[in-house]
Amino acid sequence: MPPIPPEDMAEVAGAVRAGLLAHRRTMMPERRDGGLGRPLAFARRDAEGRVVAGLVGEVALDWLYIDKFWVDEGLRGQGLGKRLLAAAELEAQRLGAVGAHLNTSSFQAPDFYLAQGYVEIGRLKGRPAGHDRIWFSKSF
């Protein structure tokens, strides 16, 4: 079977997502939302309005998933990341989340997540070569 050409990716991704959501609804009929996620985003802007730190994720199936999280290098170590993460966790709890999860690379400050109460739940060595992919979770 040949791979899908780039121009057809959006169509195929949409069909796969629709199929998965339909299946999910049959497996979890008690969830009126079908387990659809609610997007969350938090950002810090500088005086010119540029985003200098941000967190993007979603609350889905009772958990906050943190997809992207970044703080400009010049602002690191000042507690901004901690405040962004705490704000996302608080909003997720308000929306009914019981915990949070994310994955990151070994060169992307995994100790930061440990210091915020996250625990390592998985590790894929050598992704990419010389580094690891690490999965973290935290129960609220």
N, C-alpha and C. Protein backbone atom coordinates (compact mmCIF):
# COMPACT_ATOMS: atom_id res chain seq x y z
N MET A 1 0.85 -1.17 0.00
CA MET A 1 0.00 0.00 0.00
C MET A 1 0.89 1.24 0.00
N PRO A 2 0.71 2.14 -0.95
CA PRO A 2 1.56 3.34 -1.00
C PRO A 2 1.13 4.38 0.04
N PRO A 3 2.05 5.23 0.44
CA PRO A 3 1.69 6.28 1.39
C PRO A 3 0.75 7.30 0.73
N ILE A 4 0.02 8.01 1.56
CA ILE A 4 -0.90 9.04 1.09
C ILE A 4 -0.08 10.27 0.66
N PRO A 5 -0.39 10.86 -0.48
CA PRO A 5 0.34 12.07 -0.89
C PRO A 5 -0.03 13.25 0.02
N PRO A 6 0.89 14.19 0.17
CA PRO A 6 0.65 15.32 1.07
C PRO A 6 -0.66 16.06 0.81
N GLU A 7 -1.05 16.19 -0.44
CA GLU A 7 -2.28 16.94 -0.73
C GLU A 7 -3.54 16.24 -0.23
N ASP A 8 -3.45 14.95 0.11
CA ASP A 8 -4.61 14.21 0.62
C ASP A 8 -4.58 14.01 2.14
N MET A 9 -3.54 14.52 2.78
CA MET A 9 -3.37 14.27 4.22
C MET A 9 -4.53 14.82 5.04
N ALA A 10 -4.98 16.03 4.77
CA ALA A 10 -6.06 16.63 5.57
C ALA A 10 -7.33 15.80 5.46
N GLU A 11 -7.65 15.35 4.26
CA GLU A 11 -8.86 14.53 4.06
C GLU A 11 -8.77 13.23 4.84
N VAL A 12 -7.63 12.56 4.73
CA VAL A 12 -7.45 11.27 5.41
C VAL A 12 -7.45 11.47 6.92
N ALA A 13 -6.75 12.48 7.40
CA ALA A 13 -6.72 12.74 8.85
C ALA A 13 -8.13 13.03 9.36
N GLY A 14 -8.92 13.77 8.61
CA GLY A 14 -10.29 14.06 9.01
C GLY A 14 -11.14 12.81 9.07
N ALA A 15 -10.99 11.93 8.08
CA ALA A 15 -11.76 10.69 8.06
C ALA A 15 -11.37 9.77 9.21
N VAL A 16 -10.08 9.68 9.49
CA VAL A 16 -9.60 8.85 10.60
C VAL A 16 -10.12 9.40 11.92
N ARG A 17 -10.04 10.70 12.11
CA ARG A 17 -10.54 11.32 13.34
C ARG A 17 -12.03 11.06 13.51
N ALA A 18 -12.80 11.25 12.44
CA ALA A 18 -14.25 11.02 12.51
C ALA A 18 -14.55 9.57 12.87
N GLY A 19 -13.82 8.64 12.27
CA GLY A 19 -14.02 7.22 12.58
C GLY A 19 -13.69 6.90 14.02
N LEU A 20 -12.59 7.45 14.51
CA LEU A 20 -12.21 7.21 15.91
C LEU A 20 -13.24 7.79 16.87
N LEU A 21 -13.72 8.99 16.59
CA LEU A 21 -14.71 9.61 17.47
C LEU A 21 -16.02 8.83 17.46
N ALA A 22 -16.42 8.33 16.30
CA ALA A 22 -17.65 7.52 16.23
C ALA A 22 -17.48 6.25 17.08
N HIS A 23 -16.34 5.62 16.97
CA HIS A 23 -16.07 4.41 17.77
C HIS A 23 -16.06 4.75 19.26
N ARG A 24 -15.42 5.86 19.60
CA ARG A 24 -15.35 6.28 21.01
C ARG A 24 -16.76 6.48 21.57
N ARG A 25 -17.65 7.07 20.79
CA ARG A 25 -19.02 7.30 21.26
C ARG A 25 -19.74 5.99 21.56
N THR A 26 -19.45 4.94 20.80
CA THR A 26 -20.09 3.65 21.08
C THR A 26 -19.51 3.01 22.33
N MET A 27 -18.26 3.30 22.63
CA MET A 27 -17.60 2.70 23.79
C MET A 27 -17.88 3.48 25.08
N MET A 28 -18.25 4.75 24.95
CA MET A 28 -18.50 5.60 26.11
C MET A 28 -19.81 6.37 25.90
N PRO A 29 -20.93 5.68 25.83
CA PRO A 29 -22.20 6.38 25.56
C PRO A 29 -22.58 7.38 26.64
N GLU A 30 -22.02 7.23 27.84
CA GLU A 30 -22.34 8.15 28.93
C GLU A 30 -21.74 9.54 28.71
N ARG A 31 -20.80 9.65 27.81
CA ARG A 31 -20.15 10.93 27.54
C ARG A 31 -20.84 11.61 26.37
N ARG A 32 -21.64 12.58 26.66
CA ARG A 32 -22.36 13.29 25.59
C ARG A 32 -21.41 14.00 24.64
N ASP A 33 -20.24 14.39 25.14
CA ASP A 33 -19.29 15.10 24.28
C ASP A 33 -18.47 14.16 23.42
N GLY A 34 -18.65 12.85 23.60
CA GLY A 34 -17.88 11.88 22.83
C GLY A 34 -16.40 11.91 23.17
N GLY A 35 -16.05 12.57 24.26
CA GLY A 35 -14.64 12.64 24.63
C GLY A 35 -13.88 13.71 23.86
N LEU A 36 -14.60 14.58 23.17
CA LEU A 36 -13.93 15.65 22.43
C LEU A 36 -13.20 16.56 23.40
N GLY A 37 -12.06 17.02 22.99
CA GLY A 37 -11.27 17.88 23.86
C GLY A 37 -11.71 19.33 23.82
N ARG A 38 -11.41 20.01 24.91
CA ARG A 38 -11.63 21.45 24.98
C ARG A 38 -10.25 22.11 24.97
N PRO A 39 -9.94 22.89 23.93
CA PRO A 39 -8.62 23.51 23.82
C PRO A 39 -8.36 24.50 24.96
N LEU A 40 -7.11 24.55 25.37
CA LEU A 40 -6.65 25.52 26.37
C LEU A 40 -5.36 26.16 25.86
N ALA A 41 -5.19 27.43 26.11
CA ALA A 41 -3.94 28.10 25.78
C ALA A 41 -3.72 29.25 26.75
N PHE A 42 -2.48 29.42 27.15
CA PHE A 42 -2.08 30.51 28.03
C PHE A 42 -0.81 31.11 27.45
N ALA A 43 -0.67 32.43 27.55
CA ALA A 43 0.51 33.07 26.97
C ALA A 43 0.91 34.29 27.79
N ARG A 44 2.18 34.63 27.69
CA ARG A 44 2.72 35.88 28.22
C ARG A 44 3.24 36.64 27.01
N ARG A 45 2.88 37.90 26.94
CA ARG A 45 3.33 38.76 25.85
C ARG A 45 4.27 39.83 26.40
N ASP A 46 5.18 40.28 25.55
CA ASP A 46 6.06 41.38 25.96
C ASP A 46 5.37 42.71 25.68
N ALA A 47 6.08 43.81 25.91
CA ALA A 47 5.50 45.15 25.75
C ALA A 47 5.06 45.42 24.31
N GLU A 48 5.67 44.75 23.34
CA GLU A 48 5.29 44.92 21.94
C GLU A 48 4.19 43.96 21.50
N GLY A 49 3.73 43.12 22.42
CA GLY A 49 2.65 42.19 22.09
C GLY A 49 3.10 40.85 21.56
N ARG A 50 4.41 40.62 21.50
CA ARG A 50 4.92 39.33 21.03
C ARG A 50 4.78 38.27 22.12
N VAL A 51 4.39 37.07 21.73
CA VAL A 51 4.31 35.96 22.68
C VAL A 51 5.73 35.56 23.06
N VAL A 52 6.03 35.59 24.35
CA VAL A 52 7.36 35.23 24.83
C VAL A 52 7.33 33.97 25.69
N ALA A 53 6.13 33.46 25.93
CA ALA A 53 5.97 32.19 26.65
C ALA A 53 4.54 31.73 26.41
N GLY A 54 4.37 30.42 26.35
CA GLY A 54 3.01 29.93 26.16
C GLY A 54 2.88 28.45 26.41
N LEU A 55 1.64 28.07 26.65
CA LEU A 55 1.28 26.67 26.86
C LEU A 55 0.00 26.42 26.06
N VAL A 56 0.01 25.34 25.28
CA VAL A 56 -1.14 24.95 24.46
C VAL A 56 -1.47 23.50 24.77
N GLY A 57 -2.73 23.24 25.01
CA GLY A 57 -3.15 21.87 25.29
C GLY A 57 -4.64 21.73 25.16
N GLU A 58 -5.16 20.68 25.77
CA GLU A 58 -6.60 20.46 25.77
C GLU A 58 -6.98 19.59 26.95
N VAL A 59 -8.21 19.77 27.40
CA VAL A 59 -8.79 18.88 28.40
C VAL A 59 -9.68 17.92 27.63
N ALA A 60 -9.35 16.64 27.71
CA ALA A 60 -10.11 15.61 27.01
C ALA A 60 -10.11 14.34 27.86
N LEU A 61 -11.25 13.69 27.90
CA LEU A 61 -11.37 12.42 28.63
C LEU A 61 -10.86 12.55 30.06
N ASP A 62 -11.22 13.67 30.70
CA ASP A 62 -10.94 13.93 32.11
C ASP A 62 -9.49 14.29 32.43
N TRP A 63 -8.68 14.52 31.43
CA TRP A 63 -7.27 14.83 31.66
C TRP A 63 -6.85 16.04 30.83
N LEU A 64 -5.94 16.82 31.40
CA LEU A 64 -5.28 17.89 30.66
C LEU A 64 -4.11 17.28 29.91
N TYR A 65 -4.08 17.48 28.59
CA TYR A 65 -2.92 17.08 27.79
C TYR A 65 -2.19 18.36 27.40
N ILE A 66 -0.93 18.45 27.78
CA ILE A 66 -0.11 19.61 27.44
C ILE A 66 0.66 19.25 26.18
N ASP A 67 0.30 19.91 25.09
CA ASP A 67 0.88 19.60 23.78
C ASP A 67 2.14 20.40 23.51
N LYS A 68 2.10 21.69 23.77
CA LYS A 68 3.25 22.57 23.53
C LYS A 68 3.41 23.48 24.75
N PHE A 69 4.68 23.69 25.14
CA PHE A 69 4.96 24.54 26.30
C PHE A 69 6.35 25.13 26.09
N TRP A 70 6.44 26.46 26.10
CA TRP A 70 7.70 27.12 25.80
C TRP A 70 7.81 28.43 26.56
N VAL A 71 9.02 28.72 27.03
CA VAL A 71 9.35 30.01 27.63
C VAL A 71 10.61 30.51 26.95
N ASP A 72 10.59 31.76 26.50
CA ASP A 72 11.75 32.35 25.85
C ASP A 72 12.98 32.20 26.75
N GLU A 73 14.10 31.89 26.13
CA GLU A 73 15.32 31.61 26.89
C GLU A 73 15.67 32.73 27.87
N GLY A 74 15.48 33.97 27.48
CA GLY A 74 15.82 35.10 28.34
C GLY A 74 14.92 35.26 29.56
N LEU A 75 13.79 34.56 29.57
CA LEU A 75 12.85 34.66 30.69
C LEU A 75 12.84 33.42 31.57
N ARG A 76 13.63 32.43 31.23
CA ARG A 76 13.64 31.20 32.01
C ARG A 76 14.27 31.43 33.38
N GLY A 77 13.84 30.63 34.35
CA GLY A 77 14.38 30.71 35.70
C GLY A 77 13.75 31.80 36.55
N GLN A 78 12.70 32.44 36.05
CA GLN A 78 12.04 33.52 36.78
C GLN A 78 10.66 33.12 37.30
N GLY A 79 10.29 31.85 37.15
CA GLY A 79 9.01 31.38 37.65
C GLY A 79 7.86 31.51 36.66
N LEU A 80 8.12 32.02 35.47
CA LEU A 80 7.06 32.21 34.49
C LEU A 80 6.49 30.87 34.03
N GLY A 81 7.35 29.90 33.76
CA GLY A 81 6.87 28.58 33.35
C GLY A 81 6.02 27.93 34.43
N LYS A 82 6.46 28.08 35.66
CA LYS A 82 5.70 27.53 36.79
C LYS A 82 4.31 28.16 36.87
N ARG A 83 4.23 29.48 36.66
CA ARG A 83 2.94 30.16 36.71
C ARG A 83 2.04 29.76 35.54
N LEU A 84 2.59 29.63 34.35
CA LEU A 84 1.80 29.18 33.20
C LEU A 84 1.24 27.79 33.44
N LEU A 85 2.10 26.89 33.90
CA LEU A 85 1.67 25.52 34.16
C LEU A 85 0.59 25.48 35.24
N ALA A 86 0.79 26.23 36.31
CA ALA A 86 -0.21 26.27 37.39
C ALA A 86 -1.54 26.81 36.89
N ALA A 87 -1.51 27.82 36.03
CA ALA A 87 -2.75 28.38 35.49
C ALA A 87 -3.48 27.35 34.64
N ALA A 88 -2.74 26.61 33.82
CA ALA A 88 -3.36 25.57 32.99
C ALA A 88 -3.94 24.46 33.85
N GLU A 89 -3.21 24.05 34.87
CA GLU A 89 -3.72 23.00 35.76
C GLU A 89 -4.98 23.45 36.49
N LEU A 90 -4.98 24.69 36.95
CA LEU A 90 -6.15 25.21 37.67
C LEU A 90 -7.38 25.26 36.76
N GLU A 91 -7.20 25.75 35.54
CA GLU A 91 -8.32 25.80 34.59
C GLU A 91 -8.78 24.39 34.24
N ALA A 92 -7.85 23.47 34.07
CA ALA A 92 -8.22 22.08 33.77
C ALA A 92 -9.04 21.49 34.90
N GLN A 93 -8.63 21.74 36.13
CA GLN A 93 -9.40 21.26 37.28
C GLN A 93 -10.80 21.87 37.30
N ARG A 94 -10.89 23.15 36.98
CA ARG A 94 -12.20 23.81 36.92
C ARG A 94 -13.09 23.13 35.88
N LEU A 95 -12.48 22.62 34.82
CA LEU A 95 -13.22 21.94 33.76
C LEU A 95 -13.45 20.46 34.08
N GLY A 96 -12.99 20.01 35.25
CA GLY A 96 -13.25 18.64 35.67
C GLY A 96 -12.13 17.66 35.47
N ALA A 97 -10.96 18.13 35.08
CA ALA A 97 -9.83 17.22 34.87
C ALA A 97 -9.34 16.65 36.20
N VAL A 98 -8.90 15.40 36.16
CA VAL A 98 -8.38 14.73 37.35
C VAL A 98 -6.86 14.70 37.37
N GLY A 99 -6.23 15.12 36.27
CA GLY A 99 -4.79 15.11 36.19
C GLY A 99 -4.32 15.71 34.88
N ALA A 100 -2.99 15.68 34.70
CA ALA A 100 -2.38 16.22 33.48
C ALA A 100 -1.33 15.24 32.98
N HIS A 101 -1.10 15.28 31.68
CA HIS A 101 -0.03 14.45 31.10
C HIS A 101 0.60 15.18 29.93
N LEU A 102 1.83 14.80 29.62
CA LEU A 102 2.59 15.42 28.54
C LEU A 102 3.75 14.52 28.18
N ASN A 103 4.39 14.84 27.07
CA ASN A 103 5.65 14.19 26.74
C ASN A 103 6.63 15.25 26.28
N THR A 104 7.90 15.00 26.54
CA THR A 104 8.94 15.96 26.24
C THR A 104 10.23 15.21 25.93
N SER A 105 11.24 15.92 25.52
CA SER A 105 12.54 15.31 25.24
C SER A 105 13.48 15.52 26.42
N SER A 106 14.47 14.67 26.53
CA SER A 106 15.40 14.74 27.66
C SER A 106 16.19 16.05 27.66
N PHE A 107 16.27 16.74 26.52
CA PHE A 107 16.97 18.02 26.48
C PHE A 107 16.03 19.21 26.73
N GLN A 108 14.77 18.94 27.08
CA GLN A 108 13.79 20.00 27.28
C GLN A 108 13.34 20.09 28.75
N ALA A 109 14.28 20.14 29.66
CA ALA A 109 14.02 20.41 31.08
C ALA A 109 13.07 19.44 31.76
N PRO A 110 13.30 18.12 31.67
CA PRO A 110 12.42 17.20 32.38
C PRO A 110 12.42 17.42 33.89
N ASP A 111 13.51 17.92 34.45
CA ASP A 111 13.55 18.17 35.89
C ASP A 111 12.52 19.24 36.31
N PHE A 112 12.19 20.14 35.40
CA PHE A 112 11.16 21.14 35.69
C PHE A 112 9.85 20.45 36.03
N TYR A 113 9.46 19.46 35.23
CA TYR A 113 8.18 18.78 35.46
C TYR A 113 8.22 17.98 36.77
N LEU A 114 9.34 17.35 37.05
CA LEU A 114 9.47 16.62 38.32
C LEU A 114 9.30 17.58 39.49
N ALA A 115 9.88 18.77 39.40
CA ALA A 115 9.77 19.75 40.47
C ALA A 115 8.35 20.27 40.65
N GLN A 116 7.52 20.12 39.61
CA GLN A 116 6.12 20.57 39.70
C GLN A 116 5.18 19.43 40.10
N GLY A 117 5.76 18.29 40.50
CA GLY A 117 4.94 17.19 40.99
C GLY A 117 4.58 16.14 39.96
N TYR A 118 5.14 16.24 38.77
CA TYR A 118 4.88 15.23 37.74
C TYR A 118 5.76 14.01 37.99
N VAL A 119 5.29 12.86 37.55
CA VAL A 119 6.07 11.63 37.66
C VAL A 119 6.29 11.07 36.26
N GLU A 120 7.46 10.48 36.08
CA GLU A 120 7.77 9.86 34.80
C GLU A 120 6.98 8.56 34.68
N ILE A 121 6.27 8.41 33.57
CA ILE A 121 5.47 7.19 33.37
C ILE A 121 5.95 6.38 32.17
N GLY A 122 6.94 6.90 31.45
CA GLY A 122 7.46 6.15 30.32
C GLY A 122 8.65 6.86 29.70
N ARG A 123 9.48 6.08 29.02
CA ARG A 123 10.68 6.65 28.39
C ARG A 123 11.02 5.82 27.16
N LEU A 124 11.24 6.52 26.06
CA LEU A 124 11.68 5.90 24.82
C LEU A 124 13.10 6.37 24.56
N LYS A 125 14.05 5.47 24.74
CA LYS A 125 15.46 5.83 24.58
C LYS A 125 15.80 5.99 23.10
N GLY A 126 16.67 6.95 22.82
CA GLY A 126 17.14 7.15 21.46
C GLY A 126 16.16 7.85 20.54
N ARG A 127 15.29 8.67 21.10
CA ARG A 127 14.37 9.43 20.25
C ARG A 127 14.47 10.90 20.59
N PRO A 128 15.23 11.67 19.82
CA PRO A 128 16.11 11.26 18.73
C PRO A 128 17.42 10.69 19.27
N ALA A 129 18.27 10.26 18.37
CA ALA A 129 19.54 9.65 18.77
C ALA A 129 20.26 10.54 19.77
N GLY A 130 20.71 9.92 20.85
CA GLY A 130 21.42 10.65 21.89
C GLY A 130 20.52 11.28 22.93
N HIS A 131 19.21 11.17 22.75
CA HIS A 131 18.24 11.75 23.67
C HIS A 131 17.11 10.76 23.89
N ASP A 132 16.26 11.07 24.85
CA ASP A 132 15.10 10.22 25.14
C ASP A 132 13.82 11.04 25.03
N ARG A 133 12.73 10.36 24.72
CA ARG A 133 11.38 10.94 24.82
C ARG A 133 10.83 10.47 26.15
N ILE A 134 10.28 11.39 26.95
CA ILE A 134 9.83 11.06 28.30
C ILE A 134 8.36 11.47 28.44
N TRP A 135 7.57 10.58 29.04
CA TRP A 135 6.16 10.84 29.31
C TRP A 135 5.99 11.09 30.80
N PHE A 136 5.23 12.12 31.13
CA PHE A 136 4.97 12.50 32.51
C PHE A 136 3.48 12.59 32.76
N SER A 137 3.08 12.36 34.01
CA SER A 137 1.70 12.61 34.41
C SER A 137 1.69 13.15 35.84
N LYS A 138 0.56 13.78 36.17
CA LYS A 138 0.36 14.32 37.51
C LYS A 138 -1.12 14.21 37.83
N SER A 139 -1.44 13.62 38.96
CA SER A 139 -2.83 13.58 39.41
C SER A 139 -3.11 14.80 40.26
N PHE A 140 -4.28 15.38 40.07
CA PHE A 140 -4.65 16.57 40.85
C PHE A 140 -5.25 16.17 42.18
